[in-house]
Amino acid sequence: MPTDCADLHIIPATTPVSGTGSGGGGGYGGGGTQCPATYQPIETRERGFIRADELAIGDHLRDPFDGWNAVEKLETRPTIVYRITTDEESVDVNDTHAVLTMVGDWRVVTDLLPSVELMPILGEAPPIVRAVERIGPGEYVAIMCERHRYVLGRHLAHNITM
């Protein structure tokens, strides 16, 4: 698995991340959190792109729609890591990560199929899923930030409440 941000090709784009698969927050725990693998690059206002496990409370993550959101809580947890690959990038996430599709439904990474169009950054073409692969056991960083959304690749989801 990659150990450095330079090991992954990541386009600075939008991913708010979701807990319930609906527009709301949702509980924390018992599954249902969608977050990046520990080594997944994520953009901060203060330090540029860093690994998710290097985030600190108070860092600001890019909001997909407006400005930056302060990180309020972080927790590293075990998971099975999955990689979502589109034409432009690969994003490694935990096994319950959900993404918003162009038709408006939320799909968990394990239910994604090639050719599904994901919700893009405003004004961009939708990224098309080319592959979803099970990478194996690993860890992810559960992130809670202001407005419960942040940028992580080019697909949209939204954050959870811890």
Foldseek 3Di string as FASTA:
>chain_A
DDQFQVVWQFDFFWAAWAQPQDPDFDDDDPDRFKFAFQQAWFQWPVPGTGGNVPDDFQTWFAFLPDGTWGWHDKDKDKAFWKWWDFPRTITIMGQQTWFAFPVGGIDGLVRDDFQTFADFRPPDGTTTTHDMGGPGIGMGMQIAIPVQTHGRGTTYHGHHDD
